[in-house]
């Protein structure tokens, strides 16, 4: 069973699970707006997510300790290289609007990971904004990119969908921030550091209720999507309240990260039943 555990760790640490999660968030956008699924865009997002996340997580480690990399990290390096090649292939299939928006999101990711700001800081280390930077980049990828060419969708509905998803991403980040409470520098001023664990859970629950409530102001959302979002919100709130500072291994990295997979499954089941 040891090899199976190692394979599972490799699956998580290589960001494959994260890539699937972001693709599922994108699929939710396609399903909510009744759009035809763009497979080339999904491939672009999947390999782009893996490439960017692995850059954020491992670039500095690989640069400083290249000669002594652990075996799994070497595998992740090689895997990331091939994902980058695949990303280039899918990049050729995108239009200029998608490439421009993706470039802006990519620059934001670069600023998040690389100390290029004044005082050799990156966005990740600036107090209070880490969770919002991640929420904005994830939302830009999974909502903005699919909606770029949907001219029949009003600005009002696009804005609400984007803001709604930002709130959801912030809530999904909270179990990770609760987990990291023991290790994060107090200067980061994360939400659990500022509010405490219990108030963070209340705060996240309120944000999810607000996210669901915003659906009633959207003119394009169907009955299935509203029910699906409501069920999904209950799942996310349950995951948030089950979060602990001392979490089980991979609770956040696997189960919480899998939340958008559950969301897609809920929407598919609702469409099949009704």
C-alpha atoms as a PDB file:
ATOM      1  CA  UNK A   1       0.000   0.000   0.000  1.00  0.00           C
ATOM      2  CA  UNK A   2       3.007   2.298   0.362  1.00  0.00           C
ATOM      3  CA  UNK A   3       3.322   2.770  -3.398  1.00  0.00           C
ATOM      4  CA  UNK A   4      -0.385   3.695  -3.549  1.00  0.00           C
ATOM      5  CA  UNK A   5       0.086   6.353  -0.878  1.00  0.00           C
ATOM      6  CA  UNK A   6       3.103   7.734  -2.733  1.00  0.00           C
ATOM      7  CA  UNK A   7       1.088   7.821  -5.968  1.00  0.00           C
ATOM      8  CA  UNK A   8      -1.704   9.697  -4.186  1.00  0.00           C
ATOM      9  CA  UNK A   9       0.785  12.223  -2.759  1.00  0.00           C
ATOM     10  CA  UNK A  10       2.252  12.679  -6.222  1.00  0.00           C
ATOM     11  CA  UNK A  11      -1.258  13.250  -7.627  1.00  0.00           C
ATOM     12  CA  UNK A  12      -1.886  15.985  -5.050  1.00  0.00           C
ATOM     13  CA  UNK A  13       1.582  17.553  -5.049  1.00  0.00           C
ATOM     14  CA  UNK A  14       1.828  17.695  -8.846  1.00  0.00           C
ATOM     15  CA  UNK A  15      -1.334  19.869  -8.902  1.00  0.00           C
ATOM     16  CA  UNK A  16      -3.327  17.434 -11.060  1.00  0.00           C
ATOM     17  CA  UNK A  17      -6.140  17.561  -8.510  1.00  0.00           C
ATOM     18  CA  UNK A  18      -6.055  21.364  -8.579  1.00  0.00           C
ATOM     19  CA  UNK A  19      -6.149  21.345 -12.387  1.00  0.00           C
ATOM     20  CA  UNK A  20      -9.222  19.100 -12.368  1.00  0.00           C
ATOM     21  CA  UNK A  21     -10.864  21.369  -9.778  1.00  0.00           C
ATOM     22  CA  UNK A  22     -10.350  24.502 -11.888  1.00  0.00           C
ATOM     23  CA  UNK A  23     -11.625  22.688 -14.994  1.00  0.00           C
ATOM     24  CA  UNK A  24     -14.737  21.696 -13.024  1.00  0.00           C
ATOM     25  CA  UNK A  25     -15.275  25.311 -11.965  1.00  0.00           C
ATOM     26  CA  UNK A  26     -15.070  26.214 -15.667  1.00  0.00           C
ATOM     27  CA  UNK A  27     -17.556  23.471 -16.547  1.00  0.00           C
ATOM     28  CA  UNK A  28     -19.955  24.943 -13.990  1.00  0.00           C
ATOM     29  CA  UNK A  29     -19.772  28.238 -15.895  1.00  0.00           C
ATOM     30  CA  UNK A  30     -20.536  26.480 -19.185  1.00  0.00           C
ATOM     31  CA  UNK A  31     -23.468  24.634 -17.594  1.00  0.00           C
ATOM     32  CA  UNK A  32     -24.888  27.672 -15.783  1.00  0.00           C
ATOM     33  CA  UNK A  33     -24.946  29.795 -18.924  1.00  0.00           C
ATOM     34  CA  UNK A  34     -26.070  26.981 -21.231  1.00  0.00           C
ATOM     35  CA  UNK A  35     -22.922  27.300 -23.344  1.00  0.00           C
ATOM     36  CA  UNK A  36     -21.331  24.696 -25.586  1.00  0.00           C
ATOM     37  CA  UNK A  37     -18.265  23.276 -23.837  1.00  0.00           C
ATOM     38  CA  UNK A  38     -15.032  24.522 -25.401  1.00  0.00           C
ATOM     39  CA  UNK A  39     -12.650  21.559 -25.061  1.00  0.00           C
ATOM     40  CA  UNK A  40      -9.637  23.537 -26.268  1.00  0.00           C
ATOM     41  CA  UNK A  41     -10.251  26.118 -23.551  1.00  0.00           C
ATOM     42  CA  UNK A  42     -10.561  23.358 -20.939  1.00  0.00           C
ATOM     43  CA  UNK A  43      -7.233  21.891 -22.074  1.00  0.00           C
ATOM     44  CA  UNK A  44      -5.653  25.358 -21.967  1.00  0.00           C
ATOM     45  CA  UNK A  45      -6.971  25.920 -18.430  1.00  0.00           C
ATOM     46  CA  UNK A  46      -6.021  22.446 -17.176  1.00  0.00           C
ATOM     47  CA  UNK A  47      -2.398  22.554 -18.301  1.00  0.00           C
ATOM     48  CA  UNK A  48      -2.090  26.250 -17.509  1.00  0.00           C
ATOM     49  CA  UNK A  49      -3.268  25.625 -13.945  1.00  0.00           C
ATOM     50  CA  UNK A  50      -0.783  22.799 -13.398  1.00  0.00           C
ATOM     51  CA  UNK A  51       2.085  24.794 -14.892  1.00  0.00           C
ATOM     52  CA  UNK A  52       1.359  27.951 -12.892  1.00  0.00           C
ATOM     53  CA  UNK A  53       0.607  26.205  -9.585  1.00  0.00           C
ATOM     54  CA  UNK A  54       3.762  24.111  -9.777  1.00  0.00           C
ATOM     55  CA  UNK A  55       5.754  27.223 -10.601  1.00  0.00           C
ATOM     56  CA  UNK A  56       4.326  28.951  -7.531  1.00  0.00           C
ATOM     57  CA  UNK A  57       4.985  25.967  -5.268  1.00  0.00           C
ATOM     58  CA  UNK A  58       8.332  24.658  -6.529  1.00  0.00           C
ATOM     59  CA  UNK A  59      10.246  27.291  -8.521  1.00  0.00           C
ATOM     60  CA  UNK A  60      12.292  28.584  -5.582  1.00  0.00           C
ATOM     61  CA  UNK A  61      12.902  25.069  -4.244  1.00  0.00           C
ATOM     62  CA  UNK A  62      14.134  23.815  -7.602  1.00  0.00           C
ATOM     63  CA  UNK A  63      16.429  26.819  -8.021  1.00  0.00           C
ATOM     64  CA  UNK A  64      18.021  26.576  -4.592  1.00  0.00           C
ATOM     65  CA  UNK A  65      18.246  22.807  -4.187  1.00  0.00           C
ATOM     66  CA  UNK A  66      18.334  21.462  -7.724  1.00  0.00           C
ATOM     67  CA  UNK A  67      21.114  18.956  -7.051  1.00  0.00           C
ATOM     68  CA  UNK A  68      19.396  17.501  -4.012  1.00  0.00           C
ATOM     69  CA  UNK A  69      15.792  17.365  -5.178  1.00  0.00           C
ATOM     70  CA  UNK A  70      13.678  14.600  -3.736  1.00  0.00           C
ATOM     71  CA  UNK A  71      12.661  11.955  -6.247  1.00  0.00           C
ATOM     72  CA  UNK A  72       9.025  13.042  -6.307  1.00  0.00           C
ATOM     73  CA  UNK A  73      10.034  16.642  -6.898  1.00  0.00           C
ATOM     74  CA  UNK A  74      12.162  15.595  -9.868  1.00  0.00           C
ATOM     75  CA  UNK A  75       9.159  13.724 -11.266  1.00  0.00           C
ATOM     76  CA  UNK A  76       7.006  16.832 -10.740  1.00  0.00           C
ATOM     77  CA  UNK A  77       9.593  18.932 -12.559  1.00  0.00           C
ATOM     78  CA  UNK A  78       9.552  16.646 -15.593  1.00  0.00           C
ATOM     79  CA  UNK A  79       5.769  16.368 -15.472  1.00  0.00           C
ATOM     80  CA  UNK A  80       5.443  20.169 -15.298  1.00  0.00           C
ATOM     81  CA  UNK A  81       7.691  20.520 -18.333  1.00  0.00           C
ATOM     82  CA  UNK A  82       5.433  18.276 -20.419  1.00  0.00           C
ATOM     83  CA  UNK A  83       2.382  20.130 -19.106  1.00  0.00           C
ATOM     84  CA  UNK A  84       4.021  23.355 -20.285  1.00  0.00           C
ATOM     85  CA  UNK A  85       4.515  21.840 -23.749  1.00  0.00           C
ATOM     86  CA  UNK A  86       0.832  20.831 -23.781  1.00  0.00           C
ATOM     87  CA  UNK A  87      -0.066  24.354 -22.639  1.00  0.00           C
ATOM     88  CA  UNK A  88       1.811  25.798 -25.636  1.00  0.00           C
ATOM     89  CA  UNK A  89      -0.166  23.493 -27.950  1.00  0.00           C
ATOM     90  CA  UNK A  90      -3.520  24.639 -26.543  1.00  0.00           C
ATOM     91  CA  UNK A  91      -2.313  28.257 -26.535  1.00  0.00           C
ATOM     92  CA  UNK A  92      -2.121  28.105 -30.330  1.00  0.00           C
ATOM     93  CA  UNK A  93      -5.843  27.293 -30.379  1.00  0.00           C
ATOM     94  CA  UNK A  94      -6.913  30.377 -28.390  1.00  0.00           C
ATOM     95  CA  UNK A  95      -8.005  33.757 -29.755  1.00  0.00           C
ATOM     96  CA  UNK A  96      -6.354  37.054 -28.882  1.00  0.00           C
ATOM     97  CA  UNK A  97      -8.944  38.024 -26.227  1.00  0.00           C
ATOM     98  CA  UNK A  98      -8.402  34.797 -24.306  1.00  0.00           C
ATOM     99  CA  UNK A  99      -4.625  35.163 -24.601  1.00  0.00           C
ATOM    100  CA  UNK A 100      -4.707  38.772 -23.401  1.00  0.00           C
ATOM    101  CA  UNK A 101      -6.909  37.985 -20.390  1.00  0.00           C
ATOM    102  CA  UNK A 102      -4.776  34.929 -19.601  1.00  0.00           C
ATOM    103  CA  UNK A 103      -1.620  37.044 -19.769  1.00  0.00           C
ATOM    104  CA  UNK A 104      -3.033  39.447 -17.183  1.00  0.00           C
ATOM    105  CA  UNK A 105      -3.956  36.515 -14.912  1.00  0.00           C
ATOM    106  CA  UNK A 106      -0.505  35.019 -15.506  1.00  0.00           C
ATOM    107  CA  UNK A 107       1.187  38.275 -14.493  1.00  0.00           C
ATOM    108  CA  UNK A 108      -0.894  38.338 -11.324  1.00  0.00           C
ATOM    109  CA  UNK A 109       0.249  34.776 -10.599  1.00  0.00           C
ATOM    110  CA  UNK A 110       3.858  35.816 -11.225  1.00  0.00           C
ATOM    111  CA  UNK A 111       3.532  38.737  -8.809  1.00  0.00           C
ATOM    112  CA  UNK A 112       1.991  36.358  -6.271  1.00  0.00           C
ATOM    113  CA  UNK A 113       4.979  34.006  -6.370  1.00  0.00           C
ATOM    114  CA  UNK A 114       7.991  36.125  -7.330  1.00  0.00           C
ATOM    115  CA  UNK A 115       9.542  38.825  -5.061  1.00  0.00           C
ATOM    116  CA  UNK A 116       9.588  41.609  -7.638  1.00  0.00           C
ATOM    117  CA  UNK A 117       7.797  44.288  -5.624  1.00  0.00           C
ATOM    118  CA  UNK A 118       9.401  46.980  -3.485  1.00  0.00           C
ATOM    119  CA  UNK A 119      11.303  45.477  -0.577  1.00  0.00           C
ATOM    120  CA  UNK A 120      11.601  42.180  -2.477  1.00  0.00           C
ATOM    121  CA  UNK A 121       8.056  41.194  -1.584  1.00  0.00           C
ATOM    122  CA  UNK A 122       5.509  39.227  -3.519  1.00  0.00           C
ATOM    123  CA  UNK A 123       1.720  39.484  -3.277  1.00  0.00           C
ATOM    124  CA  UNK A 124       1.584  36.323  -1.173  1.00  0.00           C
ATOM    125  CA  UNK A 125       3.497  38.053   1.631  1.00  0.00           C
ATOM    126  CA  UNK A 126       1.514  41.297   1.698  1.00  0.00           C
ATOM    127  CA  UNK A 127      -0.762  41.370   4.719  1.00  0.00           C
ATOM    128  CA  UNK A 128      -4.384  40.465   4.208  1.00  0.00           C
ATOM    129  CA  UNK A 129      -4.574  40.001   0.432  1.00  0.00           C
ATOM    130  CA  UNK A 130      -3.354  36.441  -0.281  1.00  0.00           C
ATOM    131  CA  UNK A 131      -6.772  34.805  -0.261  1.00  0.00           C
ATOM    132  CA  UNK A 132      -8.274  37.529  -2.468  1.00  0.00           C
ATOM    133  CA  UNK A 133      -5.492  37.318  -5.067  1.00  0.00           C
ATOM    134  CA  UNK A 134      -6.086  33.568  -5.377  1.00  0.00           C
ATOM    135  CA  UNK A 135      -9.863  34.083  -5.561  1.00  0.00           C
ATOM    136  CA  UNK A 136      -9.535  36.702  -8.317  1.00  0.00           C
ATOM    137  CA  UNK A 137      -7.136  34.651 -10.465  1.00  0.00           C
ATOM    138  CA  UNK A 138      -9.226  31.478 -10.065  1.00  0.00           C
ATOM    139  CA  UNK A 139     -12.429  33.350 -10.911  1.00  0.00           C
ATOM    140  CA  UNK A 140     -10.822  35.064 -13.866  1.00  0.00           C
ATOM    141  CA  UNK A 141      -9.789  31.680 -15.224  1.00  0.00           C
ATOM    142  CA  UNK A 142     -13.008  29.746 -14.614  1.00  0.00           C
ATOM    143  CA  UNK A 143     -15.618  32.467 -15.231  1.00  0.00           C
ATOM    144  CA  UNK A 144     -14.148  35.356 -17.221  1.00  0.00           C
ATOM    145  CA  UNK A 145     -12.399  33.286 -19.888  1.00  0.00           C
ATOM    146  CA  UNK A 146     -15.519  31.252 -20.845  1.00  0.00           C
ATOM    147  CA  UNK A 147     -17.668  34.413 -20.888  1.00  0.00           C
ATOM    148  CA  UNK A 148     -15.363  36.580 -23.001  1.00  0.00           C
ATOM    149  CA  UNK A 149     -17.258  35.848 -26.215  1.00  0.00           C
ATOM    150  CA  UNK A 150     -20.755  35.503 -24.763  1.00  0.00           C
ATOM    151  CA  UNK A 151     -22.075  38.825 -26.024  1.00  0.00           C
ATOM    152  CA  UNK A 152     -25.697  37.813 -25.448  1.00  0.00           C
ATOM    153  CA  UNK A 153     -25.038  37.629 -21.697  1.00  0.00           C
ATOM    154  CA  UNK A 154     -25.554  41.040 -20.078  1.00  0.00           C
ATOM    155  CA  UNK A 155     -22.798  42.865 -18.213  1.00  0.00           C
ATOM    156  CA  UNK A 156     -25.055  42.732 -15.142  1.00  0.00           C
ATOM    157  CA  UNK A 157     -25.154  38.924 -15.166  1.00  0.00           C
ATOM    158  CA  UNK A 158     -21.442  38.607 -15.918  1.00  0.00           C
ATOM    159  CA  UNK A 159     -20.553  40.941 -13.051  1.00  0.00           C
ATOM    160  CA  UNK A 160     -22.783  39.096 -10.583  1.00  0.00           C
ATOM    161  CA  UNK A 161     -21.433  35.690 -11.683  1.00  0.00           C
ATOM    162  CA  UNK A 162     -17.844  36.876 -11.267  1.00  0.00           C
ATOM    163  CA  UNK A 163     -18.437  38.483  -7.869  1.00  0.00           C
ATOM    164  CA  UNK A 164     -20.431  35.446  -6.732  1.00  0.00           C
ATOM    165  CA  UNK A 165     -17.592  33.106  -7.661  1.00  0.00           C
ATOM    166  CA  UNK A 166     -14.995  35.307  -5.925  1.00  0.00           C
ATOM    167  CA  UNK A 167     -16.967  34.919  -2.696  1.00  0.00           C
ATOM    168  CA  UNK A 168     -17.096  31.146  -3.175  1.00  0.00           C
ATOM    169  CA  UNK A 169     -13.346  30.936  -3.780  1.00  0.00           C
ATOM    170  CA  UNK A 170     -12.650  33.002  -0.662  1.00  0.00           C
ATOM    171  CA  UNK A 171     -14.734  30.576   1.410  1.00  0.00           C
ATOM    172  CA  UNK A 172     -12.976  27.557  -0.112  1.00  0.00           C
ATOM    173  CA  UNK A 173      -9.631  29.070   0.868  1.00  0.00           C
ATOM    174  CA  UNK A 174     -10.602  29.353   4.538  1.00  0.00           C
ATOM    175  CA  UNK A 175     -10.019  25.661   5.449  1.00  0.00           C
ATOM    176  CA  UNK A 176      -6.503  26.049   4.028  1.00  0.00           C
ATOM    177  CA  UNK A 177      -5.922  29.197   6.070  1.00  0.00           C
ATOM    178  CA  UNK A 178      -7.241  27.489   9.207  1.00  0.00           C
ATOM    179  CA  UNK A 179      -4.871  24.573   8.528  1.00  0.00           C
ATOM    180  CA  UNK A 180      -1.909  26.946   8.072  1.00  0.00           C
ATOM    181  CA  UNK A 181      -2.677  28.980  11.189  1.00  0.00           C
ATOM    182  CA  UNK A 182       0.127  27.198  13.078  1.00  0.00           C
ATOM    183  CA  UNK A 183       2.712  28.029  10.423  1.00  0.00           C
ATOM    184  CA  UNK A 184       1.746  31.405   8.899  1.00  0.00           C
ATOM    185  CA  UNK A 185       3.723  34.446   9.981  1.00  0.00           C
ATOM    186  CA  UNK A 186       1.466  36.746  12.079  1.00  0.00           C
ATOM    187  CA  UNK A 187       2.393  39.621   9.746  1.00  0.00           C
ATOM    188  CA  UNK A 188       0.361  37.966   6.960  1.00  0.00           C
ATOM    189  CA  UNK A 189      -2.863  38.879   8.799  1.00  0.00           C
ATOM    190  CA  UNK A 190      -4.858  36.029   7.304  1.00  0.00           C
ATOM    191  CA  UNK A 191      -8.577  35.885   8.033  1.00  0.00           C
ATOM    192  CA  UNK A 192      -8.245  33.219  10.798  1.00  0.00           C
ATOM    193  CA  UNK A 193      -5.423  35.263  12.361  1.00  0.00           C
ATOM    194  CA  UNK A 194      -7.649  38.336  12.433  1.00  0.00           C
ATOM    195  CA  UNK A 195     -10.959  36.716  13.404  1.00  0.00           C
ATOM    196  CA  UNK A 196     -10.070  33.437  15.086  1.00  0.00           C
ATOM    197  CA  UNK A 197     -11.226  30.022  13.900  1.00  0.00           C
ATOM    198  CA  UNK A 198     -14.880  30.151  15.008  1.00  0.00           C
ATOM    199  CA  UNK A 199     -15.541  33.651  13.651  1.00  0.00           C
ATOM    200  CA  UNK A 200     -13.787  32.666  10.409  1.00  0.00           C
ATOM    201  CA  UNK A 201     -16.278  29.824   9.998  1.00  0.00           C
ATOM    202  CA  UNK A 202     -19.184  32.194  10.680  1.00  0.00           C
ATOM    203  CA  UNK A 203     -17.712  34.710   8.234  1.00  0.00           C
ATOM    204  CA  UNK A 204     -17.347  32.032   5.549  1.00  0.00           C
ATOM    205  CA  UNK A 205     -20.891  30.790   6.108  1.00  0.00           C
ATOM    206  CA  UNK A 206     -22.250  34.328   5.683  1.00  0.00           C
ATOM    207  CA  UNK A 207     -20.276  34.730   2.436  1.00  0.00           C
ATOM    208  CA  UNK A 208     -21.760  31.485   1.064  1.00  0.00           C
ATOM    209  CA  UNK A 209     -25.280  32.631   1.937  1.00  0.00           C
ATOM    210  CA  UNK A 210     -24.563  35.943   0.177  1.00  0.00           C
ATOM    211  CA  UNK A 211     -23.246  34.047  -2.859  1.00  0.00           C
ATOM    212  CA  UNK A 212     -26.447  32.011  -3.082  1.00  0.00           C
ATOM    213  CA  UNK A 213     -28.560  35.118  -2.496  1.00  0.00           C
ATOM    214  CA  UNK A 214     -26.903  36.896  -5.431  1.00  0.00           C
ATOM    215  CA  UNK A 215     -28.377  34.262  -7.744  1.00  0.00           C
ATOM    216  CA  UNK A 216     -31.841  35.801  -7.265  1.00  0.00           C
ATOM    217  CA  UNK A 217     -30.560  38.999  -8.908  1.00  0.00           C
ATOM    218  CA  UNK A 218     -29.227  37.162 -11.976  1.00  0.00           C
ATOM    219  CA  UNK A 219     -31.601  37.040 -14.925  1.00  0.00           C
ATOM    220  CA  UNK A 220     -29.933  34.100 -16.670  1.00  0.00           C
ATOM    221  CA  UNK A 221     -29.692  31.466 -13.927  1.00  0.00           C
ATOM    222  CA  UNK A 222     -31.947  28.441 -14.279  1.00  0.00           C
ATOM    223  CA  UNK A 223     -33.749  26.399 -11.644  1.00  0.00           C
ATOM    224  CA  UNK A 224     -31.230  23.536 -11.863  1.00  0.00           C
ATOM    225  CA  UNK A 225     -28.298  25.906 -11.395  1.00  0.00           C
ATOM    226  CA  UNK A 226     -29.893  27.554  -8.360  1.00  0.00           C
ATOM    227  CA  UNK A 227     -30.660  24.203  -6.713  1.00  0.00           C
ATOM    228  CA  UNK A 228     -27.181  22.945  -7.590  1.00  0.00           C
ATOM    229  CA  UNK A 229     -25.544  26.020  -6.070  1.00  0.00           C
ATOM    230  CA  UNK A 230     -27.653  25.670  -2.924  1.00  0.00           C
ATOM    231  CA  UNK A 231     -26.667  22.018  -2.444  1.00  0.00           C
ATOM    232  CA  UNK A 232     -23.035  22.871  -3.219  1.00  0.00           C
ATOM    233  CA  UNK A 233     -23.133  25.676  -0.636  1.00  0.00           C
ATOM    234  CA  UNK A 234     -24.351  23.286   2.049  1.00  0.00           C
ATOM    235  CA  UNK A 235     -21.446  20.949   1.220  1.00  0.00           C
ATOM    236  CA  UNK A 236     -18.912  23.810   1.368  1.00  0.00           C
ATOM    237  CA  UNK A 237     -20.263  25.170   4.654  1.00  0.00           C
ATOM    238  CA  UNK A 238     -20.093  21.646   6.097  1.00  0.00           C
ATOM    239  CA  UNK A 239     -16.471  21.329   4.966  1.00  0.00           C
ATOM    240  CA  UNK A 240     -15.655  24.721   6.470  1.00  0.00           C
ATOM    241  CA  UNK A 241     -17.143  23.853   9.868  1.00  0.00           C
ATOM    242  CA  UNK A 242     -15.327  20.494   9.827  1.00  0.00           C
ATOM    243  CA  UNK A 243     -11.993  22.276   9.345  1.00  0.00           C
ATOM    244  CA  UNK A 244      -9.520  22.193  12.208  1.00  0.00           C
ATOM    245  CA  UNK A 245      -6.096  23.669  12.854  1.00  0.00           C
ATOM    246  CA  UNK A 246      -4.836  20.092  13.165  1.00  0.00           C
ATOM    247  CA  UNK A 247      -6.521  18.596  10.130  1.00  0.00           C
ATOM    248  CA  UNK A 248      -6.212  15.087   8.801  1.00  0.00           C
ATOM    249  CA  UNK A 249      -3.623  14.796   6.025  1.00  0.00           C
ATOM    250  CA  UNK A 250      -4.962  16.077   2.699  1.00  0.00           C
ATOM    251  CA  UNK A 251      -8.345  17.097   4.168  1.00  0.00           C
ATOM    252  CA  UNK A 252      -8.073  20.527   2.558  1.00  0.00           C
ATOM    253  CA  UNK A 253      -5.803  19.559  -0.331  1.00  0.00           C
ATOM    254  CA  UNK A 254      -8.046  16.698  -1.481  1.00  0.00           C
ATOM    255  CA  UNK A 255     -11.586  16.937  -0.083  1.00  0.00           C
ATOM    256  CA  UNK A 256     -12.006  20.723  -0.017  1.00  0.00           C
ATOM    257  CA  UNK A 257     -10.218  21.010  -3.365  1.00  0.00           C
ATOM    258  CA  UNK A 258     -12.692  18.434  -4.735  1.00  0.00           C
ATOM    259  CA  UNK A 259     -15.686  20.699  -3.975  1.00  0.00           C
ATOM    260  CA  UNK A 260     -16.091  21.887  -7.613  1.00  0.00           C
ATOM    261  CA  UNK A 261     -16.048  18.239  -8.741  1.00  0.00           C
ATOM    262  CA  UNK A 262     -19.049  17.647  -6.453  1.00  0.00           C
ATOM    263  CA  UNK A 263     -20.682  20.787  -7.897  1.00  0.00           C
ATOM    264  CA  UNK A 264     -20.398  19.494 -11.465  1.00  0.00           C
ATOM    265  CA  UNK A 265     -21.744  16.089 -10.409  1.00  0.00           C
ATOM    266  CA  UNK A 266     -24.696  17.752  -8.668  1.00  0.00           C
ATOM    267  CA  UNK A 267     -25.551  19.764 -11.804  1.00  0.00           C
ATOM    268  CA  UNK A 268     -25.220  16.696 -14.063  1.00  0.00           C
ATOM    269  CA  UNK A 269     -27.455  14.614 -11.763  1.00  0.00           C
ATOM    270  CA  UNK A 270     -30.069  17.389 -11.627  1.00  0.00           C
ATOM    271  CA  UNK A 271     -30.063  17.684 -15.418  1.00  0.00           C
ATOM    272  CA  UNK A 272     -30.494  13.919 -15.793  1.00  0.00           C
ATOM    273  CA  UNK A 273     -33.277  13.639 -13.190  1.00  0.00           C
ATOM    274  CA  UNK A 274     -35.209  16.712 -14.261  1.00  0.00           C
END
